Amino acid sequence: MKTLTSILCALILAGFTWSASAAPKVQHVVSFKFKSTASTEDVKKLETAFAGLKKKITQIQSLEWGTNVSPEKLNKGFTHCWILTFKSETDRDAYLVHPDHKEFGKLVGPVVEDVFVIDFVSQK
């Protein structure tokens, strides 16, 4: 009987551990359309600064980015996309007000014509 109880307890605890680690993550997607006056150097500076936020802001679990390679030509002038992953909405919210994120925002205005942002919770 003790063995059966131990096995049941272990299975229940495993279930709690699995469900806690399977919590949905928040994906923060940012896309930029650069001004026609933005130089190659300006764009490169912004790329480097955005990618560098991963090392500065601990709430960012992962950061991926790239430039548009779609043959569909539906990007409406948006050329760059970043996808940041956060453990929770609380972590995403902390990122939004983080001083390093605010400092990065100062680089955006002079070279970015438009920005598109959408956040979603991953569905499986």
PDB file of N, CA and C in Angstrom:
ATOM      1  N   MET A   1       0.810  -1.190   0.000  1.00  0.00           N
ATOM      2  CA  MET A   1       0.000   0.000   0.000  1.00  0.00           C
ATOM      3  C   MET A   1       0.856   1.257   0.000  1.00  0.00           C
ATOM      4  N   LYS A   2       1.953   1.239   0.804  1.00  0.00           N
ATOM      5  CA  LYS A   2       2.851   2.386   0.842  1.00  0.00           C
ATOM      6  C   LYS A   2       3.467   2.624  -0.536  1.00  0.00           C
ATOM      7  N   THR A   3       3.789   1.545  -1.229  1.00  0.00           N
ATOM      8  CA  THR A   3       4.385   1.667  -2.555  1.00  0.00           C
ATOM      9  C   THR A   3       3.409   2.312  -3.526  1.00  0.00           C
ATOM     10  N   LEU A   4       2.160   1.876  -3.472  1.00  0.00           N
ATOM     11  CA  LEU A   4       1.138   2.446  -4.349  1.00  0.00           C
ATOM     12  C   LEU A   4       0.934   3.930  -4.049  1.00  0.00           C
ATOM     13  N   THR A   5       0.902   4.294  -2.781  1.00  0.00           N
ATOM     14  CA  THR A   5       0.748   5.694  -2.385  1.00  0.00           C
ATOM     15  C   THR A   5       1.935   6.518  -2.868  1.00  0.00           C
ATOM     16  N   SER A   6       3.128   5.971  -2.729  1.00  0.00           N
ATOM     17  CA  SER A   6       4.337   6.669  -3.184  1.00  0.00           C
ATOM     18  C   SER A   6       4.308   6.899  -4.692  1.00  0.00           C
ATOM     19  N   ILE A   7       3.874   5.883  -5.425  1.00  0.00           N
ATOM     20  CA  ILE A   7       3.791   6.009  -6.882  1.00  0.00           C
ATOM     21  C   ILE A   7       2.761   7.066  -7.272  1.00  0.00           C
ATOM     22  N   LEU A   8       1.599   7.031  -6.617  1.00  0.00           N
ATOM     23  CA  LEU A   8       0.559   8.026  -6.895  1.00  0.00           C
ATOM     24  C   LEU A   8       1.047   9.441  -6.604  1.00  0.00           C
ATOM     25  N   CYS A   9       1.703   9.625  -5.476  1.00  0.00           N
ATOM     26  CA  CYS A   9       2.238  10.943  -5.123  1.00  0.00           C
ATOM     27  C   CYS A   9       3.264  11.409  -6.153  1.00  0.00           C
ATOM     28  N   ALA A  10       4.117  10.519  -6.576  1.00  0.00           N
ATOM     29  CA  ALA A  10       5.138  10.859  -7.568  1.00  0.00           C
ATOM     30  C   ALA A  10       4.491  11.277  -8.886  1.00  0.00           C
ATOM     31  N   LEU A  11       3.443  10.555  -9.302  1.00  0.00           N
ATOM     32  CA  LEU A  11       2.752  10.892 -10.549  1.00  0.00           C
ATOM     33  C   LEU A  11       2.050  12.244 -10.443  1.00  0.00           C
ATOM     34  N   ILE A  12       1.435  12.499  -9.309  1.00  0.00           N
ATOM     35  CA  ILE A  12       0.761  13.786  -9.116  1.00  0.00           C
ATOM     36  C   ILE A  12       1.772  14.922  -9.146  1.00  0.00           C
ATOM     37  N   LEU A  13       2.883  14.762  -8.438  1.00  0.00           N
ATOM     38  CA  LEU A  13       3.916  15.797  -8.444  1.00  0.00           C
ATOM     39  C   LEU A  13       4.506  15.989  -9.835  1.00  0.00           C
ATOM     40  N   ALA A  14       4.701  14.917 -10.555  1.00  0.00           N
ATOM     41  CA  ALA A  14       5.211  15.023 -11.923  1.00  0.00           C
ATOM     42  C   ALA A  14       4.240  15.799 -12.789  1.00  0.00           C
ATOM     43  N   GLY A  15       2.953  15.573 -12.592  1.00  0.00           N
ATOM     44  CA  GLY A  15       1.937  16.305 -13.348  1.00  0.00           C
ATOM     45  C   GLY A  15       1.983  17.792 -13.056  1.00  0.00           C
ATOM     46  N   PHE A  16       2.146  18.155 -11.778  1.00  0.00           N
ATOM     47  CA  PHE A  16       2.241  19.573 -11.413  1.00  0.00           C
ATOM     48  C   PHE A  16       3.494  20.195 -12.007  1.00  0.00           C
ATOM     49  N   THR A  17       4.599  19.492 -11.955  1.00  0.00           N
ATOM     50  CA  THR A  17       5.851  20.002 -12.515  1.00  0.00           C
ATOM     51  C   THR A  17       5.717  20.178 -14.019  1.00  0.00           C
ATOM     52  N   TRP A  18       5.121  19.216 -14.697  1.00  0.00           N
ATOM     53  CA  TRP A  18       4.959  19.300 -16.148  1.00  0.00           C
ATOM     54  C   TRP A  18       4.071  20.470 -16.527  1.00  0.00           C
ATOM     55  N   SER A  19       2.948  20.639 -15.820  1.00  0.00           N
ATOM     56  CA  SER A  19       2.034  21.716 -16.190  1.00  0.00           C
ATOM     57  C   SER A  19       2.644  23.077 -15.900  1.00  0.00           C
ATOM     58  N   ALA A  20       3.457  23.195 -14.862  1.00  0.00           N
ATOM     59  CA  ALA A  20       4.096  24.477 -14.566  1.00  0.00           C
ATOM     60  C   ALA A  20       5.121  24.822 -15.636  1.00  0.00           C
ATOM     61  N   SER A  21       5.876  23.840 -16.102  1.00  0.00           N
ATOM     62  CA  SER A  21       6.893  24.120 -17.110  1.00  0.00           C
ATOM     63  C   SER A  21       6.274  24.289 -18.491  1.00  0.00           C
ATOM     64  N   ALA A  22       5.031  23.869 -18.654  1.00  0.00           N
ATOM     65  CA  ALA A  22       4.377  23.986 -19.956  1.00  0.00           C
ATOM     66  C   ALA A  22       3.570  25.281 -20.072  1.00  0.00           C
ATOM     67  N   ALA A  23       3.773  26.211 -19.141  1.00  0.00           N
ATOM     68  CA  ALA A  23       3.045  27.482 -19.183  1.00  0.00           C
ATOM     69  C   ALA A  23       3.320  28.177 -20.512  1.00  0.00           C
ATOM     70  N   PRO A  24       2.290  28.758 -21.109  1.00  0.00           N
ATOM     71  CA  PRO A  24       2.473  29.415 -22.400  1.00  0.00           C
ATOM     72  C   PRO A  24       3.371  30.638 -22.274  1.00  0.00           C
ATOM     73  N   LYS A  25       4.198  30.824 -23.273  1.00  0.00           N
ATOM     74  CA  LYS A  25       5.129  31.945 -23.305  1.00  0.00           C
ATOM     75  C   LYS A  25       4.520  33.085 -24.106  1.00  0.00           C
ATOM     76  N   VAL A  26       4.985  34.280 -23.829  1.00  0.00           N
ATOM     77  CA  VAL A  26       4.531  35.457 -24.561  1.00  0.00           C
ATOM     78  C   VAL A  26       5.555  35.768 -25.653  1.00  0.00           C
ATOM     79  N   GLN A  27       5.070  35.848 -26.878  1.00  0.00           N
ATOM     80  CA  GLN A  27       5.904  36.209 -28.024  1.00  0.00           C
ATOM     81  C   GLN A  27       5.634  37.678 -28.352  1.00  0.00           C
ATOM     82  N   HIS A  28       6.687  38.454 -28.457  1.00  0.00           N
ATOM     83  CA  HIS A  28       6.607  39.890 -28.754  1.00  0.00           C
ATOM     84  C   HIS A  28       7.249  40.082 -30.124  1.00  0.00           C
ATOM     85  N   VAL A  29       6.436  40.440 -31.103  1.00  0.00           N
ATOM     86  CA  VAL A  29       6.897  40.555 -32.485  1.00  0.00           C
ATOM     87  C   VAL A  29       6.965  42.037 -32.857  1.00  0.00           C
ATOM     88  N   VAL A  30       8.108  42.456 -33.379  1.00  0.00           N
ATOM     89  CA  VAL A  30       8.331  43.847 -33.759  1.00  0.00           C
ATOM     90  C   VAL A  30       8.851  43.868 -35.190  1.00  0.00           C
ATOM     91  N   SER A  31       8.246  44.706 -36.023  1.00  0.00           N
ATOM     92  CA  SER A  31       8.694  44.840 -37.403  1.00  0.00           C
ATOM     93  C   SER A  31       8.876  46.314 -37.735  1.00  0.00           C
ATOM     94  N   PHE A  32       9.955  46.623 -38.477  1.00  0.00           N
ATOM     95  CA  PHE A  32      10.279  48.003 -38.832  1.00  0.00           C
ATOM     96  C   PHE A  32      10.213  48.230 -40.328  1.00  0.00           C
ATOM     97  N   LYS A  33       9.711  49.403 -40.683  1.00  0.00           N
ATOM     98  CA  LYS A  33       9.809  49.941 -42.039  1.00  0.00           C
ATOM     99  C   LYS A  33      10.725  51.159 -41.899  1.00  0.00           C
ATOM    100  N   PHE A  34      11.872  51.111 -42.528  1.00  0.00           N
ATOM    101  CA  PHE A  34      12.843  52.193 -42.391  1.00  0.00           C
ATOM    102  C   PHE A  34      12.523  53.362 -43.319  1.00  0.00           C
ATOM    103  N   LYS A  35      12.903  54.562 -42.883  1.00  0.00           N
ATOM    104  CA  LYS A  35      12.752  55.754 -43.710  1.00  0.00           C
ATOM    105  C   LYS A  35      13.674  55.637 -44.918  1.00  0.00           C
ATOM    106  N   SER A  36      13.276  56.240 -46.017  1.00  0.00           N
ATOM    107  CA  SER A  36      14.115  56.210 -47.226  1.00  0.00           C
ATOM    108  C   SER A  36      15.445  56.919 -46.986  1.00  0.00           C
ATOM    109  N   THR A  37      15.497  57.784 -45.993  1.00  0.00           N
ATOM    110  CA  THR A  37      16.727  58.507 -45.675  1.00  0.00           C
ATOM    111  C   THR A  37      17.669  57.717 -44.761  1.00  0.00           C
ATOM    112  N   ALA A  38      17.218  56.577 -44.259  1.00  0.00           N
ATOM    113  CA  ALA A  38      18.058  55.760 -43.365  1.00  0.00           C
ATOM    114  C   ALA A  38      19.209  55.159 -44.163  1.00  0.00           C
ATOM    115  N   SER A  39      20.406  55.398 -43.706  1.00  0.00           N
ATOM    116  CA  SER A  39      21.584  54.843 -44.379  1.00  0.00           C
ATOM    117  C   SER A  39      21.786  53.391 -43.976  1.00  0.00           C
ATOM    118  N   THR A  40      22.615  52.709 -44.709  1.00  0.00           N
ATOM    119  CA  THR A  40      22.974  51.327 -44.374  1.00  0.00           C
ATOM    120  C   THR A  40      23.583  51.282 -42.977  1.00  0.00           C
ATOM    121  N   GLU A  41      24.391  52.275 -42.651  1.00  0.00           N
ATOM    122  CA  GLU A  41      25.002  52.346 -41.316  1.00  0.00           C
ATOM    123  C   GLU A  41      23.940  52.526 -40.227  1.00  0.00           C
ATOM    124  N   ASP A  42      22.938  53.378 -40.499  1.00  0.00           N
ATOM    125  CA  ASP A  42      21.850  53.589 -39.536  1.00  0.00           C
ATOM    126  C   ASP A  42      21.121  52.278 -39.254  1.00  0.00           C
ATOM    127  N   VAL A  43      20.815  51.548 -40.318  1.00  0.00           N
ATOM    128  CA  VAL A  43      20.088  50.276 -40.190  1.00  0.00           C
ATOM    129  C   VAL A  43      20.937  49.279 -39.406  1.00  0.00           C
ATOM    130  N   LYS A  44      22.212  49.187 -39.739  1.00  0.00           N
ATOM    131  CA  LYS A  44      23.116  48.252 -39.056  1.00  0.00           C
ATOM    132  C   LYS A  44      23.215  48.596 -37.564  1.00  0.00           C
ATOM    133  N   LYS A  45      23.288  49.878 -37.248  1.00  0.00           N
ATOM    134  CA  LYS A  45      23.364  50.323 -35.850  1.00  0.00           C
ATOM    135  C   LYS A  45      22.114  49.880 -35.082  1.00  0.00           C
ATOM    136  N   LEU A  46      20.950  50.027 -35.711  1.00  0.00           N
ATOM    137  CA  LEU A  46      19.701  49.630 -35.069  1.00  0.00           C
ATOM    138  C   LEU A  46      19.628  48.110 -34.900  1.00  0.00           C
ATOM    139  N   GLU A  47      20.047  47.361 -35.915  1.00  0.00           N
ATOM    140  CA  GLU A  47      20.071  45.895 -35.823  1.00  0.00           C
ATOM    141  C   GLU A  47      20.922  45.445 -34.641  1.00  0.00           C
ATOM    142  N   THR A  48      22.111  46.008 -34.539  1.00  0.00           N
ATOM    143  CA  THR A  48      23.043  45.636 -33.476  1.00  0.00           C
ATOM    144  C   THR A  48      22.488  46.003 -32.104  1.00  0.00           C
ATOM    145  N   ALA A  49      21.912  47.198 -32.009  1.00  0.00           N
ATOM    146  CA  ALA A  49      21.361  47.655 -30.724  1.00  0.00           C
ATOM    147  C   ALA A  49      20.191  46.790 -30.290  1.00  0.00           C
ATOM    148  N   PHE A  50      19.307  46.443 -31.221  1.00  0.00           N
ATOM    149  CA  PHE A  50      18.148  45.616 -30.862  1.00  0.00           C
ATOM    150  C   PHE A  50      18.617  44.234 -30.410  1.00  0.00           C
ATOM    151  N   ALA A  51      19.489  43.624 -31.180  1.00  0.00           N
ATOM    152  CA  ALA A  51      19.996  42.295 -30.818  1.00  0.00           C
ATOM    153  C   ALA A  51      20.711  42.336 -29.466  1.00  0.00           C
ATOM    154  N   GLY A  52      21.356  43.453 -29.140  1.00  0.00           N
ATOM    155  CA  GLY A  52      22.090  43.598 -27.892  1.00  0.00           C
ATOM    156  C   GLY A  52      21.213  43.662 -26.659  1.00  0.00           C
ATOM    157  N   LEU A  53      19.914  43.909 -26.841  1.00  0.00           N
ATOM    158  CA  LEU A  53      19.014  43.970 -25.683  1.00  0.00           C
ATOM    159  C   LEU A  53      18.951  42.642 -24.933  1.00  0.00           C
ATOM    160  N   LYS A  54      19.171  41.541 -25.630  1.00  0.00           N
ATOM    161  CA  LYS A  54      19.123  40.211 -24.999  1.00  0.00           C
ATOM    162  C   LYS A  54      20.127  40.119 -23.852  1.00  0.00           C
ATOM    163  N   LYS A  55      21.298  40.716 -24.028  1.00  0.00           N
ATOM    164  CA  LYS A  55      22.333  40.659 -22.993  1.00  0.00           C
ATOM    165  C   LYS A  55      22.068  41.641 -21.860  1.00  0.00           C
ATOM    166  N   LYS A  56      21.251  42.647 -22.111  1.00  0.00           N
ATOM    167  CA  LYS A  56      21.023  43.700 -21.127  1.00  0.00           C
ATOM    168  C   LYS A  56      19.755  43.506 -20.296  1.00  0.00           C
ATOM    169  N   ILE A  57      18.766  42.815 -20.843  1.00  0.00           N
ATOM    170  CA  ILE A  57      17.470  42.699 -20.182  1.00  0.00           C
ATOM    171  C   ILE A  57      17.195  41.228 -19.892  1.00  0.00           C
ATOM    172  N   THR A  58      17.298  40.865 -18.624  1.00  0.00           N
ATOM    173  CA  THR A  58      17.230  39.450 -18.241  1.00  0.00           C
ATOM    174  C   THR A  58      15.874  38.805 -18.504  1.00  0.00           C
ATOM    175  N   GLN A  59      14.821  39.595 -18.616  1.00  0.00           N
ATOM    176  CA  GLN A  59      13.489  39.024 -18.843  1.00  0.00           C
ATOM    177  C   GLN A  59      13.353  38.427 -20.251  1.00  0.00           C
ATOM    178  N   ILE A  60      14.221  38.805 -21.170  1.00  0.00           N
ATOM    179  CA  ILE A  60      14.157  38.261 -22.533  1.00  0.00           C
ATOM    180  C   ILE A  60      14.707  36.839 -22.502  1.00  0.00           C
ATOM    181  N   GLN A  61      13.841  35.857 -22.756  1.00  0.00           N
ATOM    182  CA  GLN A  61      14.292  34.460 -22.789  1.00  0.00           C
ATOM    183  C   GLN A  61      15.031  34.155 -24.079  1.00  0.00           C
ATOM    184  N   SER A  62      14.492  34.654 -25.190  1.00  0.00           N
ATOM    185  CA  SER A  62      15.176  34.468 -26.472  1.00  0.00           C
ATOM    186  C   SER A  62      14.838  35.641 -27.374  1.00  0.00           C
ATOM    187  N   LEU A  63      15.728  35.892 -28.323  1.00  0.00           N
ATOM    188  CA  LEU A  63      15.542  36.965 -29.281  1.00  0.00           C
ATOM    189  C   LEU A  63      16.052  36.458 -30.627  1.00  0.00           C
ATOM    190  N   GLU A  64      15.160  36.458 -31.599  1.00  0.00           N
ATOM    191  CA  GLU A  64      15.512  36.063 -32.965  1.00  0.00           C
ATOM    192  C   GLU A  64      15.131  37.215 -33.879  1.00  0.00           C
ATOM    193  N   TRP A  65      15.863  37.369 -34.963  1.00  0.00           N
ATOM    194  CA  TRP A  65      15.501  38.422 -35.897  1.00  0.00           C
ATOM    195  C   TRP A  65      16.022  38.090 -37.284  1.00  0.00           C
ATOM    196  N   GLY A  66      15.468  38.784 -38.243  1.00  0.00           N
ATOM    197  CA  GLY A  66      15.923  38.614 -39.620  1.00  0.00           C
ATOM    198  C   GLY A  66      15.247  39.641 -40.514  1.00  0.00           C
ATOM    199  N   THR A  67      15.601  39.575 -41.775  1.00  0.00           N
ATOM    200  CA  THR A  67      15.021  40.478 -42.761  1.00  0.00           C
ATOM    201  C   THR A  67      14.084  39.696 -43.673  1.00  0.00           C
ATOM    202  N   ASN A  68      13.164  40.412 -44.274  1.00  0.00           N
ATOM    203  CA  ASN A  68      12.136  39.796 -45.103  1.00  0.00           C
ATOM    204  C   ASN A  68      12.742  39.043 -46.295  1.00  0.00           C
ATOM    205  N   VAL A  69      12.334  37.809 -46.462  1.00  0.00           N
ATOM    206  CA  VAL A  69      12.748  37.006 -47.619  1.00  0.00           C
ATOM    207  C   VAL A  69      11.537  36.413 -48.335  1.00  0.00           C
ATOM    208  N   SER A  70      10.355  36.916 -48.008  1.00  0.00           N
ATOM    209  CA  SER A  70       9.132  36.374 -48.598  1.00  0.00           C
ATOM    210  C   SER A  70       9.006  36.761 -50.073  1.00  0.00           C
ATOM    211  N   PRO A  71       8.680  35.801 -50.926  1.00  0.00           N
ATOM    212  CA  PRO A  71       8.466  36.116 -52.344  1.00  0.00           C
ATOM    213  C   PRO A  71       7.074  36.697 -52.610  1.00  0.00           C
ATOM    214  N   GLU A  72       6.207  36.743 -51.575  1.00  0.00           N
ATOM    215  CA  GLU A  72       4.827  37.174 -51.777  1.00  0.00           C
ATOM    216  C   GLU A  72       4.670  38.681 -51.975  1.00  0.00           C
ATOM    217  N   LYS A  73       5.673  39.445 -51.560  1.00  0.00           N
ATOM    218  CA  LYS A  73       5.648  40.906 -51.706  1.00  0.00           C
ATOM    219  C   LYS A  73       4.454  41.533 -50.976  1.00  0.00           C
ATOM    220  N   LEU A  74       4.140  41.024 -49.774  1.00  0.00           N
ATOM    221  CA  LEU A  74       3.044  41.546 -48.965  1.00  0.00           C
ATOM    222  C   LEU A  74       3.539  42.244 -47.704  1.00  0.00           C
ATOM    223  N   ASN A  75       4.831  42.550 -47.647  1.00  0.00           N
ATOM    224  CA  ASN A  75       5.421  43.111 -46.437  1.00  0.00           C
ATOM    225  C   ASN A  75       5.147  44.606 -46.227  1.00  0.00           C
ATOM    226  N   LYS A  76       4.535  45.263 -47.210  1.00  0.00           N
ATOM    227  CA  LYS A  76       4.142  46.674 -47.103  1.00  0.00           C
ATOM    228  C   LYS A  76       5.294  47.572 -46.677  1.00  0.00           C
ATOM    229  N   GLY A  77       6.498  47.242 -47.118  1.00  0.00           N
ATOM    230  CA  GLY A  77       7.670  48.061 -46.825  1.00  0.00           C
ATOM    231  C   GLY A  77       8.384  47.705 -45.535  1.00  0.00           C
ATOM    232  N   PHE A  78       7.813  46.789 -44.730  1.00  0.00           N
ATOM    233  CA  PHE A  78       8.476  46.353 -43.512  1.00  0.00           C
ATOM    234  C   PHE A  78       9.553  45.345 -43.896  1.00  0.00           C
ATOM    235  N   THR A  79      10.777  45.615 -43.481  1.00  0.00           N
ATOM    236  CA  THR A  79      11.902  44.791 -43.920  1.00  0.00           C
ATOM    237  C   THR A  79      12.527  43.950 -42.814  1.00  0.00           C
ATOM    238  N   HIS A  80      12.369  44.379 -41.554  1.00  0.00           N
ATOM    239  CA  HIS A  80      13.030  43.710 -40.442  1.00  0.00           C
ATOM    240  C   HIS A  80      11.999  43.225 -39.433  1.00  0.00           C
ATOM    241  N   CYS A  81      12.260  42.045 -38.857  1.00  0.00           N
ATOM    242  CA  CYS A  81      11.352  41.477 -37.866  1.00  0.00           C
ATOM    243  C   CYS A  81      12.159  40.883 -36.716  1.00  0.00           C
ATOM    244  N   TRP A  82      11.723  41.175 -35.512  1.00  0.00           N
ATOM    245  CA  TRP A  82      12.314  40.616 -34.299  1.00  0.00           C
ATOM    246  C   TRP A  82      11.225  39.859 -33.550  1.00  0.00           C
ATOM    247  N   ILE A  83      11.584  38.709 -33.000  1.00  0.00           N
ATOM    248  CA  ILE A  83      10.667  37.951 -32.155  1.00  0.00           C
ATOM    249  C   ILE A  83      11.366  37.721 -30.823  1.00  0.00           C
ATOM    250  N   LEU A  84      10.782  38.300 -29.786  1.00  0.00           N
ATOM    251  CA  LEU A  84      11.315  38.153 -28.436  1.00  0.00           C
ATOM    252  C   LEU A  84      10.372  37.243 -27.655  1.00  0.00           C
ATOM    253  N   THR A  85      10.936  36.355 -26.878  1.00  0.00           N
ATOM    254  CA  THR A  85      10.138  35.431 -26.077  1.00  0.00           C
ATOM    255  C   THR A  85      10.311  35.774 -24.603  1.00  0.00           C
ATOM    256  N   PHE A  86       9.169  35.827 -23.921  1.00  0.00           N
ATOM    257  CA  PHE A  86       9.136  36.100 -22.488  1.00  0.00           C
ATOM    258  C   PHE A  86       8.404  34.976 -21.777  1.00  0.00           C
ATOM    259  N   LYS A  87       8.807  34.716 -20.545  1.00  0.00           N
ATOM    260  CA  LYS A  87       8.199  33.666 -19.736  1.00  0.00           C
ATOM    261  C   LYS A  87       6.751  33.999 -19.380  1.00  0.00           C
ATOM    262  N   SER A  88       6.445  35.308 -19.294  1.00  0.00           N
ATOM    263  CA  SER A  88       5.112  35.720 -18.858  1.00  0.00           C
ATOM    264  C   SER A  88       4.829  37.145 -19.331  1.00  0.00           C
ATOM    265  N   GLU A  89       3.585  37.560 -19.189  1.00  0.00           N
ATOM    266  CA  GLU A  89       3.226  38.936 -19.498  1.00  0.00           C
ATOM    267  C   GLU A  89       3.916  39.894 -18.531  1.00  0.00           C
ATOM    268  N   THR A  90       4.123  39.457 -17.307  1.00  0.00           N
ATOM    269  CA  THR A  90       4.827  40.274 -16.315  1.00  0.00           C
ATOM    270  C   THR A  90       6.251  40.560 -16.779  1.00  0.00           C
ATOM    271  N   ASP A  91       6.932  39.537 -17.296  1.00  0.00           N
ATOM    272  CA  ASP A  91       8.292  39.738 -17.815  1.00  0.00           C
ATOM    273  C   ASP A  91       8.281  40.648 -19.037  1.00  0.00           C
ATOM    274  N   ARG A  92       7.293  40.473 -19.909  1.00  0.00           N
ATOM    275  CA  ARG A  92       7.178  41.358 -21.081  1.00  0.00           C
ATOM    276  C   ARG A  92       6.961  42.799 -20.634  1.00  0.00           C
ATOM    277  N   ASP A  93       6.109  42.988 -19.633  1.00  0.00           N
ATOM    278  CA  ASP A  93       5.822  44.332 -19.136  1.00  0.00           C
ATOM    279  C   ASP A  93       7.071  44.977 -18.532  1.00  0.00           C
ATOM    280  N   ALA A  94       7.874  44.181 -17.834  1.00  0.00           N
ATOM    281  CA  ALA A  94       9.125  44.693 -17.259  1.00  0.00           C
ATOM    282  C   ALA A  94      10.089  45.116 -18.370  1.00  0.00           C
ATOM    283  N   TYR A  95      10.122  44.363 -19.444  1.00  0.00           N
ATOM    284  CA  TYR A  95      10.947  44.710 -20.607  1.00  0.00           C
ATOM    285  C   TYR A  95      10.520  46.048 -21.206  1.00  0.00           C
ATOM    286  N   LEU A  96       9.212  46.259 -21.332  1.00  0.00           N
ATOM    287  CA  LEU A  96       8.704  47.469 -21.977  1.00  0.00           C
ATOM    288  C   LEU A  96       9.145  48.750 -21.262  1.00  0.00           C
ATOM    289  N   VAL A  97       9.257  48.706 -19.948  1.00  0.00           N
ATOM    290  CA  VAL A  97       9.644  49.904 -19.198  1.00  0.00           C
ATOM    291  C   VAL A  97      11.123  49.902 -18.784  1.00  0.00           C
ATOM    292  N   HIS A  98      11.845  48.876 -19.178  1.00  0.00           N
ATOM    293  CA  HIS A  98      13.258  48.761 -18.801  1.00  0.00           C
ATOM    294  C   HIS A  98      14.045  49.933 -19.384  1.00  0.00           C
ATOM    295  N   PRO A  99      14.958  50.521 -18.615  1.00  0.00           N
ATOM    296  CA  PRO A  99      15.741  51.664 -19.106  1.00  0.00           C
ATOM    297  C   PRO A  99      16.513  51.382 -20.396  1.00  0.00           C
ATOM    298  N   ASP A 100      17.028  50.171 -20.564  1.00  0.00           N
ATOM    299  CA  ASP A 100      17.767  49.850 -21.792  1.00  0.00           C
ATOM    300  C   ASP A 100      16.826  49.779 -22.995  1.00  0.00           C
ATOM    301  N   HIS A 101      15.589  49.336 -22.789  1.00  0.00           N
ATOM    302  CA  HIS A 101      14.604  49.329 -23.869  1.00  0.00           C
ATOM    303  C   HIS A 101      14.222  50.765 -24.218  1.00  0.00           C
ATOM    304  N   LYS A 102      14.040  51.601 -23.207  1.00  0.00           N
ATOM    305  CA  LYS A 102      13.713  53.013 -23.433  1.00  0.00           C
ATOM    306  C   LYS A 102      14.849  53.712 -24.187  1.00  0.00           C
ATOM    307  N   GLU A 103      16.079  53.424 -23.818  1.00  0.00           N
ATOM    308  CA  GLU A 103      17.244  54.012 -24.491  1.00  0.00           C
ATOM    309  C   GLU A 103      17.298  53.568 -25.952  1.00  0.00           C
ATOM    310  N   PHE A 104      17.020  52.290 -26.205  1.00  0.00           N
ATOM    311  CA  PHE A 104      16.975  51.787 -27.569  1.00  0.00           C
ATOM    312  C   PHE A 104      15.913  52.531 -28.384  1.00  0.00           C
ATOM    313  N   GLY A 105      14.773  52.812 -27.767  1.00  0.00           N
ATOM    314  CA  GLY A 105      13.686  53.508 -28.446  1.00  0.00           C
ATOM    315  C   GLY A 105      14.113  54.851 -29.018  1.00  0.00           C
ATOM    316  N   LYS A 106      15.083  55.491 -28.400  1.00  0.00           N
ATOM    317  CA  LYS A 106      15.580  56.775 -28.897  1.00  0.00           C
ATOM    318  C   LYS A 106      16.279  56.637 -30.246  1.00  0.00           C
ATOM    319  N   LEU A 107      16.811  55.463 -30.538  1.00  0.00           N
ATOM    320  CA  LEU A 107      17.476  55.219 -31.826  1.00  0.00           C
ATOM    321  C   LEU A 107      16.478  55.013 -32.957  1.00  0.00           C
ATOM    322  N   VAL A 108      15.266  54.601 -32.607  1.00  0.00           N
ATOM    323  CA  VAL A 108      14.265  54.217 -33.592  1.00  0.00           C
ATOM    324  C   VAL A 108      13.704  55.417 -34.353  1.00  0.00           C
ATOM    325  N   GLY A 109      13.284  56.440 -33.622  1.00  0.00           N
ATOM    326  CA  GLY A 109      12.603  57.589 -34.220  1.00  0.00           C
ATOM    327  C   GLY A 109      13.257  58.199 -35.439  1.00  0.00           C
ATOM    328  N   PRO A 110      14.547  58.475 -35.396  1.00  0.00           N
ATOM    329  CA  PRO A 110      15.183  59.133 -36.535  1.00  0.00           C
ATOM    330  C   PRO A 110      15.280  58.286 -37.809  1.00  0.00           C
ATOM    331  N   VAL A 111      15.196  56.974 -37.698  1.00  0.00           N
ATOM    332  CA  VAL A 111      15.426  56.138 -38.885  1.00  0.00           C
ATOM    333  C   VAL A 111      14.256  55.237 -39.275  1.00  0.00           C
ATOM    334  N   VAL A 112      13.252  55.114 -38.414  1.00  0.00           N
ATOM    335  CA  VAL A 112      12.139  54.207 -38.689  1.00  0.00           C
ATOM    336  C   VAL A 112      10.898  55.009 -39.070  1.00  0.00           C
ATOM    337  N   GLU A 113      10.341  54.663 -40.229  1.00  0.00           N
ATOM    338  CA  GLU A 113       9.122  55.318 -40.711  1.00  0.00           C
ATOM    339  C   GLU A 113       7.879  54.779 -40.015  1.00  0.00           C
ATOM    340  N   ASP A 114       7.858  53.455 -39.795  1.00  0.00           N
ATOM    341  CA  ASP A 114       6.694  52.823 -39.183  1.00  0.00           C
ATOM    342  C   ASP A 114       7.147  51.584 -38.426  1.00  0.00           C
ATOM    343  N   VAL A 115       6.395  51.256 -37.394  1.00  0.00           N
ATOM    344  CA  VAL A 115       6.682  50.063 -36.603  1.00  0.00           C
ATOM    345  C   VAL A 115       5.376  49.308 -36.387  1.00  0.00           C
ATOM    346  N   PHE A 116       5.480  47.990 -36.410  1.00  0.00           N
ATOM    347  CA  PHE A 116       4.340  47.107 -36.177  1.00  0.00           C
ATOM    348  C   PHE A 116       4.706  46.217 -35.006  1.00  0.00           C
ATOM    349  N   VAL A 117       3.847  46.173 -34.001  1.00  0.00           N
ATOM    350  CA  VAL A 117       4.102  45.331 -32.827  1.00  0.00           C
ATOM    351  C   VAL A 117       2.854  44.508 -32.542  1.00  0.00           C
ATOM    352  N   ILE A 118       3.057  43.238 -32.283  1.00  0.00           N
ATOM    353  CA  ILE A 118       1.969  42.366 -31.851  1.00  0.00           C
ATOM    354  C   ILE A 118       2.548  41.365 -30.855  1.00  0.00           C
ATOM    355  N   ASP A 119       1.806  41.126 -29.795  1.00  0.00           N
ATOM    356  CA  ASP A 119       2.189  40.124 -28.803  1.00  0.00           C
ATOM    357  C   ASP A 119       1.146  39.028 -28.827  1.00  0.00           C
ATOM    358  N   PHE A 120       1.602  37.807 -28.636  1.00  0.00           N
ATOM    359  CA  PHE A 120       0.658  36.696 -28.559  1.00  0.00           C
ATOM    360  C   PHE A 120       1.178  35.636 -27.621  1.00  0.00           C
ATOM    361  N   VAL A 121       0.248  34.869 -27.097  1.00  0.00           N
ATOM    362  CA  VAL A 121       0.579  33.720 -26.262  1.00  0.00           C
ATOM    363  C   VAL A 121       0.526  32.513 -27.173  1.00  0.00           C
ATOM    364  N   SER A 122       1.609  31.775 -27.218  1.00  0.00           N
ATOM    365  CA  SER A 122       1.718  30.625 -28.120  1.00  0.00           C
ATOM    366  C   SER A 122       0.628  29.604 -27.861  1.00  0.00           C
ATOM    367  N   GLN A 123       0.013  29.145 -28.923  1.00  0.00           N
ATOM    368  CA  GLN A 123      -0.990  28.100 -28.870  1.00  0.00           C
ATOM    369  C   GLN A 123      -0.418  26.847 -29.538  1.00  0.00           C
ATOM    370  N   LYS A 124      -0.739  25.733 -29.019  1.00  0.00           N
ATOM    371  CA  LYS A 124      -0.248  24.481 -29.624  1.00  0.00           C
ATOM    372  C   LYS A 124      -1.409  23.711 -30.181  1.00  0.00           C
TER     373      LYS A 124
END
